[in-house]
Structures are given as C-alpha cells and as structure tokens.
Amino acid sequence: LLPLVQRGETPAFAELMARGVFGELQTLKPTWSPVIWTTIATGKGPEKHGIEGFVYAAEVDGQMEPRVFNSGHRRTKAFWNILSDRGRTVDVIGWWITYPAEPIDGL
C-alpha cells in the first residue's frame, strides 16, 4: 500500500496515515487461523493461550486421535471475558474458537 500512497494513487489512505499511526504487520508462523484469531482476542501468544493449531492429538482407547480445539482449551481470557467481567455487555458473533459459547454478559 505504501508505494501507492507515495505515488498519490490512494489519497484516502494517505490522509488516514497522516492523521494516525501505521506500520508493517507481522504474523505468526505457521499462519493458522485459530491461533491468530485467539492471539488477537487474548493479546497472548499460543504458548500462553493454549490454542496451537486446528487440531490436537488425544488418546482414545489407547490410540491417538485428532480432536478439534475449542473455547474450553483456551487458557487465558479473551477481550469479551474481560469486558464482561467489568460489567460491559458484549456480543461475540462469528469469532474463531468460540464454541462452546462461554458465559458472558451479552451474546
């Protein structure tokens, strides 16, 4: 985007950048959606929040089987938990790794 701004091809972005802060975003590697969205929601990395991919291995009848991570595997609070704990009404719709729904003040 920066080259387009510098050439004057995106004046709206140039104005936003002049009034605010911008920079290059970095991501986690590998870029797995459940890990990234949980990191955004908690402000913590996967080593702290506990969501390390799409699936994990669980022993079932002596065999290792894949299981899908869910909200119960998250070890830290998400921003909706923190806001709800502080008496704010929160609606969370369509966010990764929110099943099963946690008790919050809201939806």
PDB file of N, CA and C in Angstrom:
ATOM      1  N   LEU A   1       0.818  -1.196   0.000  1.00  0.00           N
ATOM      2  CA  LEU A   1       0.000   0.000   0.000  1.00  0.00           C
ATOM      3  C   LEU A   1       0.864   1.263   0.000  1.00  0.00           C
ATOM      4  N   LEU A   2       1.978   1.236   0.709  1.00  0.00           N
ATOM      5  CA  LEU A   2       2.817   2.429   0.816  1.00  0.00           C
ATOM      6  C   LEU A   2       3.268   2.972  -0.545  1.00  0.00           C
ATOM      7  N   PRO A   3       3.694   2.123  -1.491  1.00  0.00           N
ATOM      8  CA  PRO A   3       4.052   2.675  -2.805  1.00  0.00           C
ATOM      9  C   PRO A   3       2.881   3.391  -3.495  1.00  0.00           C
ATOM     10  N   LEU A   4       1.680   2.882  -3.336  1.00  0.00           N
ATOM     11  CA  LEU A   4       0.506   3.542  -3.923  1.00  0.00           C
ATOM     12  C   LEU A   4       0.269   4.898  -3.272  1.00  0.00           C
ATOM     13  N   VAL A   5       0.420   4.964  -1.959  1.00  0.00           N
ATOM     14  CA  VAL A   5       0.268   6.237  -1.240  1.00  0.00           C
ATOM     15  C   VAL A   5       1.337   7.217  -1.705  1.00  0.00           C
ATOM     16  N   GLN A   6       2.566   6.751  -1.812  1.00  0.00           N
ATOM     17  CA  GLN A   6       3.675   7.618  -2.218  1.00  0.00           C
ATOM     18  C   GLN A   6       3.497   8.158  -3.641  1.00  0.00           C
ATOM     19  N   ARG A   7       2.852   7.404  -4.508  1.00  0.00           N
ATOM     20  CA  ARG A   7       2.588   7.862  -5.876  1.00  0.00           C
ATOM     21  C   ARG A   7       1.323   8.703  -5.968  1.00  0.00           C
ATOM     22  N   GLY A   8       0.621   8.885  -4.852  1.00  0.00           N
ATOM     23  CA  GLY A   8      -0.588   9.700  -4.855  1.00  0.00           C
ATOM     24  C   GLY A   8      -1.813   9.003  -5.407  1.00  0.00           C
ATOM     25  N   GLU A   9      -1.770   7.672  -5.488  1.00  0.00           N
ATOM     26  CA  GLU A   9      -2.871   6.907  -6.073  1.00  0.00           C
ATOM     27  C   GLU A   9      -3.963   6.543  -5.074  1.00  0.00           C
ATOM     28  N   THR A  10      -3.699   6.717  -3.790  1.00  0.00           N
ATOM     29  CA  THR A  10      -4.687   6.387  -2.750  1.00  0.00           C
ATOM     30  C   THR A  10      -4.756   7.531  -1.738  1.00  0.00           C
ATOM     31  N   PRO A  11      -5.399   8.649  -2.120  1.00  0.00           N
ATOM     32  CA  PRO A  11      -5.417   9.812  -1.235  1.00  0.00           C
ATOM     33  C   PRO A  11      -6.139   9.580   0.094  1.00  0.00           C
ATOM     34  N   ALA A  12      -7.156   8.754   0.102  1.00  0.00           N
ATOM     35  CA  ALA A  12      -7.864   8.498   1.366  1.00  0.00           C
ATOM     36  C   ALA A  12      -6.937   7.793   2.358  1.00  0.00           C
ATOM     37  N   PHE A  13      -6.173   6.812   1.878  1.00  0.00           N
ATOM     38  CA  PHE A  13      -5.218   6.141   2.759  1.00  0.00           C
ATOM     39  C   PHE A  13      -4.113   7.099   3.188  1.00  0.00           C
ATOM     40  N   ALA A  14      -3.675   7.952   2.278  1.00  0.00           N
ATOM     41  CA  ALA A  14      -2.638   8.934   2.627  1.00  0.00           C
ATOM     42  C   ALA A  14      -3.118   9.835   3.757  1.00  0.00           C
ATOM     43  N   GLU A  15      -4.377  10.246   3.697  1.00  0.00           N
ATOM     44  CA  GLU A  15      -4.938  11.101   4.756  1.00  0.00           C
ATOM     45  C   GLU A  15      -5.010  10.354   6.084  1.00  0.00           C
ATOM     46  N   LEU A  16      -5.476   9.116   6.050  1.00  0.00           N
ATOM     47  CA  LEU A  16      -5.540   8.313   7.276  1.00  0.00           C
ATOM     48  C   LEU A  16      -4.148   8.116   7.879  1.00  0.00           C
ATOM     49  N   MET A  17      -3.180   7.847   7.031  1.00  0.00           N
ATOM     50  CA  MET A  17      -1.814   7.632   7.513  1.00  0.00           C
ATOM     51  C   MET A  17      -1.224   8.912   8.094  1.00  0.00           C
ATOM     52  N   ALA A  18      -1.575  10.054   7.527  1.00  0.00           N
ATOM     53  CA  ALA A  18      -1.065  11.336   8.028  1.00  0.00           C
ATOM     54  C   ALA A  18      -1.661  11.667   9.396  1.00  0.00           C
ATOM     55  N   ARG A  19      -2.896  11.219   9.640  1.00  0.00           N
ATOM     56  CA  ARG A  19      -3.576  11.524  10.906  1.00  0.00           C
ATOM     57  C   ARG A  19      -3.356  10.471  11.983  1.00  0.00           C
ATOM     58  N   GLY A  20      -2.856   9.299  11.609  1.00  0.00           N
ATOM     59  CA  GLY A  20      -2.754   8.215  12.580  1.00  0.00           C
ATOM     60  C   GLY A  20      -1.390   7.572  12.599  1.00  0.00           C
ATOM     61  N   VAL A  21      -1.410   6.295  12.903  1.00  0.00           N
ATOM     62  CA  VAL A  21      -0.186   5.508  13.000  1.00  0.00           C
ATOM     63  C   VAL A  21      -0.323   4.338  12.045  1.00  0.00           C
ATOM     64  N   PHE A  22       0.768   3.976  11.395  1.00  0.00           N
ATOM     65  CA  PHE A  22       0.735   2.827  10.502  1.00  0.00           C
ATOM     66  C   PHE A  22       2.072   2.118  10.559  1.00  0.00           C
ATOM     67  N   GLY A  23       2.077   0.902  10.077  1.00  0.00           N
ATOM     68  CA  GLY A  23       3.317   0.138  10.054  1.00  0.00           C
ATOM     69  C   GLY A  23       3.093  -1.186   9.378  1.00  0.00           C
ATOM     70  N   GLU A  24       4.147  -1.944   9.284  1.00  0.00           N
ATOM     71  CA  GLU A  24       4.073  -3.260   8.666  1.00  0.00           C
ATOM     72  C   GLU A  24       3.637  -4.270   9.721  1.00  0.00           C
ATOM     73  N   LEU A  25       2.607  -5.039   9.414  1.00  0.00           N
ATOM     74  CA  LEU A  25       2.121  -6.059  10.338  1.00  0.00           C
ATOM     75  C   LEU A  25       2.928  -7.340  10.168  1.00  0.00           C
ATOM     76  N   GLN A  26       3.131  -8.013  11.259  1.00  0.00           N
ATOM     77  CA  GLN A  26       3.771  -9.314  11.217  1.00  0.00           C
ATOM     78  C   GLN A  26       2.753 -10.353  11.655  1.00  0.00           C
ATOM     79  N   THR A  27       2.984 -11.586  11.316  1.00  0.00           N
ATOM     80  CA  THR A  27       2.067 -12.642  11.693  1.00  0.00           C
ATOM     81  C   THR A  27       2.826 -13.785  12.340  1.00  0.00           C
ATOM     82  N   LEU A  28       2.084 -14.726  12.827  1.00  0.00           N
ATOM     83  CA  LEU A  28       2.671 -15.933  13.402  1.00  0.00           C
ATOM     84  C   LEU A  28       2.926 -16.935  12.293  1.00  0.00           C
ATOM     85  N   LYS A  29       3.921 -17.761  12.481  1.00  0.00           N
ATOM     86  CA  LYS A  29       4.218 -18.832  11.526  1.00  0.00           C
ATOM     87  C   LYS A  29       4.100 -20.150  12.249  1.00  0.00           C
ATOM     88  N   PRO A  30       3.382 -21.110  11.732  1.00  0.00           N
ATOM     89  CA  PRO A  30       2.539 -21.024  10.545  1.00  0.00           C
ATOM     90  C   PRO A  30       1.307 -20.164  10.801  1.00  0.00           C
ATOM     91  N   THR A  31       0.737 -19.663   9.747  1.00  0.00           N
ATOM     92  CA  THR A  31      -0.402 -18.746   9.857  1.00  0.00           C
ATOM     93  C   THR A  31      -1.715 -19.532   9.897  1.00  0.00           C
ATOM     94  N   TRP A  32      -1.985 -20.137  11.028  1.00  0.00           N
ATOM     95  CA  TRP A  32      -3.211 -20.914  11.216  1.00  0.00           C
ATOM     96  C   TRP A  32      -4.257 -20.019  11.875  1.00  0.00           C
ATOM     97  N   SER A  33      -5.415 -19.934  11.251  1.00  0.00           N
ATOM     98  CA  SER A  33      -6.474 -19.033  11.700  1.00  0.00           C
ATOM     99  C   SER A  33      -6.828 -19.162  13.178  1.00  0.00           C
ATOM    100  N   PRO A  34      -7.054 -20.366  13.710  1.00  0.00           N
ATOM    101  CA  PRO A  34      -7.417 -20.453  15.129  1.00  0.00           C
ATOM    102  C   PRO A  34      -6.379 -19.841  16.054  1.00  0.00           C
ATOM    103  N   VAL A  35      -5.100 -20.022  15.705  1.00  0.00           N
ATOM    104  CA  VAL A  35      -4.015 -19.489  16.529  1.00  0.00           C
ATOM    105  C   VAL A  35      -3.994 -17.964  16.449  1.00  0.00           C
ATOM    106  N   ILE A  36      -4.085 -17.439  15.244  1.00  0.00           N
ATOM    107  CA  ILE A  36      -4.018 -15.990  15.045  1.00  0.00           C
ATOM    108  C   ILE A  36      -5.204 -15.285  15.684  1.00  0.00           C
ATOM    109  N   TRP A  37      -6.413 -15.780  15.442  1.00  0.00           N
ATOM    110  CA  TRP A  37      -7.600 -15.111  15.992  1.00  0.00           C
ATOM    111  C   TRP A  37      -7.639 -15.198  17.515  1.00  0.00           C
ATOM    112  N   THR A  38      -7.143 -16.294  18.085  1.00  0.00           N
ATOM    113  CA  THR A  38      -7.088 -16.395  19.547  1.00  0.00           C
ATOM    114  C   THR A  38      -6.033 -15.450  20.098  1.00  0.00           C
ATOM    115  N   THR A  39      -4.937 -15.287  19.384  1.00  0.00           N
ATOM    116  CA  THR A  39      -3.899 -14.334  19.790  1.00  0.00           C
ATOM    117  C   THR A  39      -4.450 -12.912  19.778  1.00  0.00           C
ATOM    118  N   ILE A  40      -5.213 -12.563  18.756  1.00  0.00           N
ATOM    119  CA  ILE A  40      -5.840 -11.235  18.691  1.00  0.00           C
ATOM    120  C   ILE A  40      -6.817 -11.051  19.856  1.00  0.00           C
ATOM    121  N   ALA A  41      -7.624 -12.067  20.120  1.00  0.00           N
ATOM    122  CA  ALA A  41      -8.656 -11.966  21.155  1.00  0.00           C
ATOM    123  C   ALA A  41      -8.086 -11.894  22.566  1.00  0.00           C
ATOM    124  N   THR A  42      -6.917 -12.482  22.780  1.00  0.00           N
ATOM    125  CA  THR A  42      -6.358 -12.551  24.133  1.00  0.00           C
ATOM    126  C   THR A  42      -5.178 -11.621  24.356  1.00  0.00           C
ATOM    127  N   GLY A  43      -4.520 -11.227  23.282  1.00  0.00           N
ATOM    128  CA  GLY A  43      -3.298 -10.442  23.423  1.00  0.00           C
ATOM    129  C   GLY A  43      -2.121 -11.284  23.875  1.00  0.00           C
ATOM    130  N   LYS A  44      -2.277 -12.591  23.833  1.00  0.00           N
ATOM    131  CA  LYS A  44      -1.231 -13.517  24.267  1.00  0.00           C
ATOM    132  C   LYS A  44      -0.888 -14.474  23.130  1.00  0.00           C
ATOM    133  N   GLY A  45       0.332 -14.986  23.133  1.00  0.00           N
ATOM    134  CA  GLY A  45       0.757 -15.943  22.126  1.00  0.00           C
ATOM    135  C   GLY A  45       0.235 -17.336  22.415  1.00  0.00           C
ATOM    136  N   PRO A  46       0.369 -18.236  21.436  1.00  0.00           N
ATOM    137  CA  PRO A  46      -0.154 -19.597  21.606  1.00  0.00           C
ATOM    138  C   PRO A  46       0.453 -20.359  22.782  1.00  0.00           C
ATOM    139  N   GLU A  47       1.688 -20.040  23.143  1.00  0.00           N
ATOM    140  CA  GLU A  47       2.293 -20.725  24.289  1.00  0.00           C
ATOM    141  C   GLU A  47       1.576 -20.379  25.586  1.00  0.00           C
ATOM    142  N   LYS A  48       0.898 -19.225  25.634  1.00  0.00           N
ATOM    143  CA  LYS A  48       0.138 -18.828  26.830  1.00  0.00           C
ATOM    144  C   LYS A  48      -1.348 -19.123  26.689  1.00  0.00           C
ATOM    145  N   HIS A  49      -1.940 -18.840  25.504  1.00  0.00           N
ATOM    146  CA  HIS A  49      -3.391 -19.046  25.391  1.00  0.00           C
ATOM    147  C   HIS A  49      -3.777 -20.490  25.127  1.00  0.00           C
ATOM    148  N   GLY A  50      -2.859 -21.318  24.621  1.00  0.00           N
ATOM    149  CA  GLY A  50      -3.106 -22.752  24.520  1.00  0.00           C
ATOM    150  C   GLY A  50      -3.659 -23.258  23.197  1.00  0.00           C
ATOM    151  N   ILE A  51      -4.080 -22.388  22.300  1.00  0.00           N
ATOM    152  CA  ILE A  51      -4.593 -22.834  21.001  1.00  0.00           C
ATOM    153  C   ILE A  51      -3.407 -22.869  20.040  1.00  0.00           C
ATOM    154  N   GLU A  52      -3.002 -24.050  19.644  1.00  0.00           N
ATOM    155  CA  GLU A  52      -1.767 -24.207  18.882  1.00  0.00           C
ATOM    156  C   GLU A  52      -1.974 -24.652  17.442  1.00  0.00           C
ATOM    157  N   GLY A  53      -3.207 -24.755  16.998  1.00  0.00           N
ATOM    158  CA  GLY A  53      -3.487 -25.177  15.626  1.00  0.00           C
ATOM    159  C   GLY A  53      -4.967 -25.430  15.464  1.00  0.00           C
ATOM    160  N   PHE A  54      -5.301 -26.200  14.453  1.00  0.00           N
ATOM    161  CA  PHE A  54      -6.692 -26.585  14.235  1.00  0.00           C
ATOM    162  C   PHE A  54      -7.074 -27.773  15.102  1.00  0.00           C
ATOM    163  N   VAL A  55      -6.138 -28.732  15.238  1.00  0.00           N
ATOM    164  CA  VAL A  55      -6.420 -29.965  15.977  1.00  0.00           C
ATOM    165  C   VAL A  55      -5.259 -30.305  16.912  1.00  0.00           C
ATOM    166  N   TYR A  56      -5.551 -31.167  17.856  1.00  0.00           N
ATOM    167  CA  TYR A  56      -4.546 -31.709  18.768  1.00  0.00           C
ATOM    168  C   TYR A  56      -4.767 -33.215  18.846  1.00  0.00           C
ATOM    169  N   ALA A  57      -3.807 -33.933  19.353  1.00  0.00           N
ATOM    170  CA  ALA A  57      -3.921 -35.388  19.479  1.00  0.00           C
ATOM    171  C   ALA A  57      -4.412 -35.743  20.873  1.00  0.00           C
ATOM    172  N   ALA A  58      -5.392 -36.629  20.929  1.00  0.00           N
ATOM    173  CA  ALA A  58      -5.930 -37.107  22.205  1.00  0.00           C
ATOM    174  C   ALA A  58      -5.919 -38.634  22.201  1.00  0.00           C
ATOM    175  N   GLU A  59      -5.603 -39.188  23.333  1.00  0.00           N
ATOM    176  CA  GLU A  59      -5.613 -40.646  23.432  1.00  0.00           C
ATOM    177  C   GLU A  59      -7.026 -41.137  23.695  1.00  0.00           C
ATOM    178  N   VAL A  60      -7.495 -42.035  22.853  1.00  0.00           N
ATOM    179  CA  VAL A  60      -8.830 -42.618  22.980  1.00  0.00           C
ATOM    180  C   VAL A  60      -8.667 -44.129  22.845  1.00  0.00           C
ATOM    181  N   ASP A  61      -8.984 -44.848  23.885  1.00  0.00           N
ATOM    182  CA  ASP A  61      -8.861 -46.307  23.885  1.00  0.00           C
ATOM    183  C   ASP A  61      -7.475 -46.770  23.438  1.00  0.00           C
ATOM    184  N   GLY A  62      -6.442 -46.098  23.950  1.00  0.00           N
ATOM    185  CA  GLY A  62      -5.073 -46.478  23.638  1.00  0.00           C
ATOM    186  C   GLY A  62      -4.562 -46.010  22.287  1.00  0.00           C
ATOM    187  N   GLN A  63      -5.387 -45.312  21.531  1.00  0.00           N
ATOM    188  CA  GLN A  63      -4.994 -44.804  20.201  1.00  0.00           C
ATOM    189  C   GLN A  63      -5.006 -43.289  20.215  1.00  0.00           C
ATOM    190  N   MET A  64      -4.102 -42.685  19.473  1.00  0.00           N
ATOM    191  CA  MET A  64      -4.085 -41.229  19.344  1.00  0.00           C
ATOM    192  C   MET A  64      -5.030 -40.830  18.213  1.00  0.00           C
ATOM    193  N   GLU A  65      -5.957 -39.916  18.510  1.00  0.00           N
ATOM    194  CA  GLU A  65      -6.922 -39.451  17.519  1.00  0.00           C
ATOM    195  C   GLU A  65      -6.927 -37.929  17.490  1.00  0.00           C
ATOM    196  N   PRO A  66      -7.190 -37.346  16.315  1.00  0.00           N
ATOM    197  CA  PRO A  66      -7.266 -35.885  16.235  1.00  0.00           C
ATOM    198  C   PRO A  66      -8.555 -35.363  16.859  1.00  0.00           C
ATOM    199  N   ARG A  67      -8.433 -34.265  17.556  1.00  0.00           N
ATOM    200  CA  ARG A  67      -9.581 -33.570  18.139  1.00  0.00           C
ATOM    201  C   ARG A  67      -9.451 -32.094  17.788  1.00  0.00           C
ATOM    202  N   VAL A  68     -10.574 -31.423  17.622  1.00  0.00           N
ATOM    203  CA  VAL A  68     -10.582 -30.006  17.247  1.00  0.00           C
ATOM    204  C   VAL A  68     -10.484 -29.139  18.499  1.00  0.00           C
ATOM    205  N   PHE A  69      -9.603 -28.129  18.453  1.00  0.00           N
ATOM    206  CA  PHE A  69      -9.533 -27.181  19.556  1.00  0.00           C
ATOM    207  C   PHE A  69     -10.868 -26.448  19.681  1.00  0.00           C
ATOM    208  N   ASN A  70     -11.259 -26.120  20.918  1.00  0.00           N
ATOM    209  CA  ASN A  70     -12.465 -25.330  21.145  1.00  0.00           C
ATOM    210  C   ASN A  70     -12.205 -24.318  22.259  1.00  0.00           C
ATOM    211  N   SER A  71     -13.214 -23.534  22.585  1.00  0.00           N
ATOM    212  CA  SER A  71     -13.032 -22.458  23.571  1.00  0.00           C
ATOM    213  C   SER A  71     -12.585 -22.973  24.933  1.00  0.00           C
ATOM    214  N   GLY A  72     -12.919 -24.187  25.258  1.00  0.00           N
ATOM    215  CA  GLY A  72     -12.508 -24.764  26.530  1.00  0.00           C
ATOM    216  C   GLY A  72     -11.013 -25.014  26.635  1.00  0.00           C
ATOM    217  N   HIS A  73     -10.311 -25.014  25.519  1.00  0.00           N
ATOM    218  CA  HIS A  73      -8.865 -25.219  25.530  1.00  0.00           C
ATOM    219  C   HIS A  73      -8.095 -23.919  25.741  1.00  0.00           C
ATOM    220  N   ARG A  74      -8.767 -22.793  25.620  1.00  0.00           N
ATOM    221  CA  ARG A  74      -8.092 -21.504  25.800  1.00  0.00           C
ATOM    222  C   ARG A  74      -7.782 -21.314  27.281  1.00  0.00           C
ATOM    223  N   ARG A  75      -6.518 -20.986  27.589  1.00  0.00           N
ATOM    224  CA  ARG A  75      -6.080 -20.869  28.981  1.00  0.00           C
ATOM    225  C   ARG A  75      -6.087 -19.432  29.507  1.00  0.00           C
ATOM    226  N   THR A  76      -6.388 -18.462  28.665  1.00  0.00           N
ATOM    227  CA  THR A  76      -6.419 -17.068  29.091  1.00  0.00           C
ATOM    228  C   THR A  76      -7.737 -16.440  28.667  1.00  0.00           C
ATOM    229  N   LYS A  77      -8.064 -15.339  29.283  1.00  0.00           N
ATOM    230  CA  LYS A  77      -9.305 -14.660  28.952  1.00  0.00           C
ATOM    231  C   LYS A  77      -9.195 -13.921  27.625  1.00  0.00           C
ATOM    232  N   ALA A  78     -10.297 -13.922  26.896  1.00  0.00           N
ATOM    233  CA  ALA A  78     -10.404 -13.120  25.677  1.00  0.00           C
ATOM    234  C   ALA A  78     -10.952 -11.746  26.059  1.00  0.00           C
ATOM    235  N   PHE A  79     -10.873 -10.796  25.131  1.00  0.00           N
ATOM    236  CA  PHE A  79     -11.331  -9.444  25.455  1.00  0.00           C
ATOM    237  C   PHE A  79     -12.798  -9.424  25.844  1.00  0.00           C
ATOM    238  N   TRP A  80     -13.632 -10.329  25.302  1.00  0.00           N
ATOM    239  CA  TRP A  80     -15.042 -10.339  25.676  1.00  0.00           C
ATOM    240  C   TRP A  80     -15.225 -10.815  27.113  1.00  0.00           C
ATOM    241  N   ASN A  81     -14.371 -11.718  27.607  1.00  0.00           N
ATOM    242  CA  ASN A  81     -14.435 -12.136  29.009  1.00  0.00           C
ATOM    243  C   ASN A  81     -14.058 -10.978  29.929  1.00  0.00           C
ATOM    244  N   ILE A  82     -13.007 -10.261  29.551  1.00  0.00           N
ATOM    245  CA  ILE A  82     -12.524  -9.141  30.363  1.00  0.00           C
ATOM    246  C   ILE A  82     -13.574  -8.038  30.425  1.00  0.00           C
ATOM    247  N   LEU A  83     -14.147  -7.684  29.277  1.00  0.00           N
ATOM    248  CA  LEU A  83     -15.188  -6.649  29.264  1.00  0.00           C
ATOM    249  C   LEU A  83     -16.408  -7.081  30.070  1.00  0.00           C
ATOM    250  N   SER A  84     -16.825  -8.326  29.886  1.00  0.00           N
ATOM    251  CA  SER A  84     -17.975  -8.840  30.621  1.00  0.00           C
ATOM    252  C   SER A  84     -17.709  -8.853  32.124  1.00  0.00           C
ATOM    253  N   ASP A  85     -16.495  -9.227  32.526  1.00  0.00           N
ATOM    254  CA  ASP A  85     -16.119  -9.217  33.949  1.00  0.00           C
ATOM    255  C   ASP A  85     -16.207  -7.819  34.545  1.00  0.00           C
ATOM    256  N   ARG A  86     -16.043  -6.817  33.704  1.00  0.00           N
ATOM    257  CA  ARG A  86     -16.084  -5.428  34.170  1.00  0.00           C
ATOM    258  C   ARG A  86     -17.453  -4.774  33.967  1.00  0.00           C
ATOM    259  N   GLY A  87     -18.472  -5.624  33.761  1.00  0.00           N
ATOM    260  CA  GLY A  87     -19.840  -5.129  33.695  1.00  0.00           C
ATOM    261  C   GLY A  87     -20.282  -4.592  32.347  1.00  0.00           C
ATOM    262  N   ARG A  88     -19.512  -4.833  31.309  1.00  0.00           N
ATOM    263  CA  ARG A  88     -19.885  -4.374  29.967  1.00  0.00           C
ATOM    264  C   ARG A  88     -20.654  -5.473  29.249  1.00  0.00           C
ATOM    265  N   THR A  89     -21.652  -5.095  28.478  1.00  0.00           N
ATOM    266  CA  THR A  89     -22.370  -6.043  27.638  1.00  0.00           C
ATOM    267  C   THR A  89     -21.545  -6.281  26.376  1.00  0.00           C
ATOM    268  N   VAL A  90     -21.379  -7.541  26.012  1.00  0.00           N
ATOM    269  CA  VAL A  90     -20.528  -7.910  24.882  1.00  0.00           C
ATOM    270  C   VAL A  90     -21.282  -8.868  23.970  1.00  0.00           C
ATOM    271  N   ASP A  91     -21.211  -8.630  22.677  1.00  0.00           N
ATOM    272  CA  ASP A  91     -21.757  -9.559  21.689  1.00  0.00           C
ATOM    273  C   ASP A  91     -20.601 -10.085  20.845  1.00  0.00           C
ATOM    274  N   VAL A  92     -20.449 -11.399  20.804  1.00  0.00           N
ATOM    275  CA  VAL A  92     -19.380 -12.037  20.026  1.00  0.00           C
ATOM    276  C   VAL A  92     -20.051 -12.924  18.988  1.00  0.00           C
ATOM    277  N   ILE A  93     -19.845 -12.595  17.722  1.00  0.00           N
ATOM    278  CA  ILE A  93     -20.510 -13.324  16.642  1.00  0.00           C
ATOM    279  C   ILE A  93     -19.472 -13.707  15.590  1.00  0.00           C
ATOM    280  N   GLY A  94     -19.378 -14.972  15.301  1.00  0.00           N
ATOM    281  CA  GLY A  94     -18.532 -15.449  14.218  1.00  0.00           C
ATOM    282  C   GLY A  94     -17.038 -15.402  14.469  1.00  0.00           C
ATOM    283  N   TRP A  95     -16.600 -15.365  15.709  1.00  0.00           N
ATOM    284  CA  TRP A  95     -15.165 -15.352  16.027  1.00  0.00           C
ATOM    285  C   TRP A  95     -14.678 -16.796  16.114  1.00  0.00           C
ATOM    286  N   TRP A  96     -13.469 -17.051  15.631  1.00  0.00           N
ATOM    287  CA  TRP A  96     -12.890 -18.391  15.681  1.00  0.00           C
ATOM    288  C   TRP A  96     -12.770 -18.882  17.124  1.00  0.00           C
ATOM    289  N   ILE A  97     -12.928 -20.151  17.304  1.00  0.00           N
ATOM    290  CA  ILE A  97     -12.719 -20.858  18.570  1.00  0.00           C
ATOM    291  C   ILE A  97     -13.578 -20.273  19.698  1.00  0.00           C
ATOM    292  N   THR A  98     -14.866 -20.079  19.430  1.00  0.00           N
ATOM    293  CA  THR A  98     -15.769 -19.623  20.482  1.00  0.00           C
ATOM    294  C   THR A  98     -16.836 -20.662  20.818  1.00  0.00           C
ATOM    295  N   TYR A  99     -16.693 -21.866  20.302  1.00  0.00           N
ATOM    296  CA  TYR A  99     -17.601 -22.944  20.642  1.00  0.00           C
ATOM    297  C   TYR A  99     -16.902 -23.853  21.641  1.00  0.00           C
ATOM    298  N   PRO A 100     -17.585 -24.264  22.666  1.00  0.00           N
ATOM    299  CA  PRO A 100     -18.916 -23.847  23.079  1.00  0.00           C
ATOM    300  C   PRO A 100     -18.899 -22.434  23.658  1.00  0.00           C
ATOM    301  N   ALA A 101     -20.029 -21.758  23.529  1.00  0.00           N
ATOM    302  CA  ALA A 101     -20.131 -20.380  23.996  1.00  0.00           C
ATOM    303  C   ALA A 101     -19.863 -20.301  25.492  1.00  0.00           C
ATOM    304  N   GLU A 102     -19.107 -19.287  25.873  1.00  0.00           N
ATOM    305  CA  GLU A 102     -18.786 -19.069  27.277  1.00  0.00           C
ATOM    306  C   GLU A 102     -19.832 -18.164  27.918  1.00  0.00           C
ATOM    307  N   PRO A 103     -20.050 -18.280  29.223  1.00  0.00           N
ATOM    308  CA  PRO A 103     -20.978 -17.354  29.873  1.00  0.00           C
ATOM    309  C   PRO A 103     -20.401 -15.952  29.918  1.00  0.00           C
ATOM    310  N   ILE A 104     -21.086 -15.011  29.306  1.00  0.00           N
ATOM    311  CA  ILE A 104     -20.709 -13.596  29.331  1.00  0.00           C
ATOM    312  C   ILE A 104     -21.971 -12.773  29.482  1.00  0.00           C
ATOM    313  N   ASP A 105     -21.814 -11.490  29.786  1.00  0.00           N
ATOM    314  CA  ASP A 105     -22.944 -10.576  29.822  1.00  0.00           C
ATOM    315  C   ASP A 105     -23.161 -10.094  28.393  1.00  0.00           C
ATOM    316  N   GLY A 106     -24.012 -10.794  27.658  1.00  0.00           N
ATOM    317  CA  GLY A 106     -24.273 -10.459  26.265  1.00  0.00           C
ATOM    318  C   GLY A 106     -24.581 -11.697  25.464  1.00  0.00           C
ATOM    319  N   LEU A 107     -24.231 -11.655  24.186  1.00  0.00           N
ATOM    320  CA  LEU A 107     -24.489 -12.760  23.274  1.00  0.00           C
ATOM    321  C   LEU A 107     -23.204 -13.383  22.792  1.00  0.00           C
TER     322      LEU A 107
END
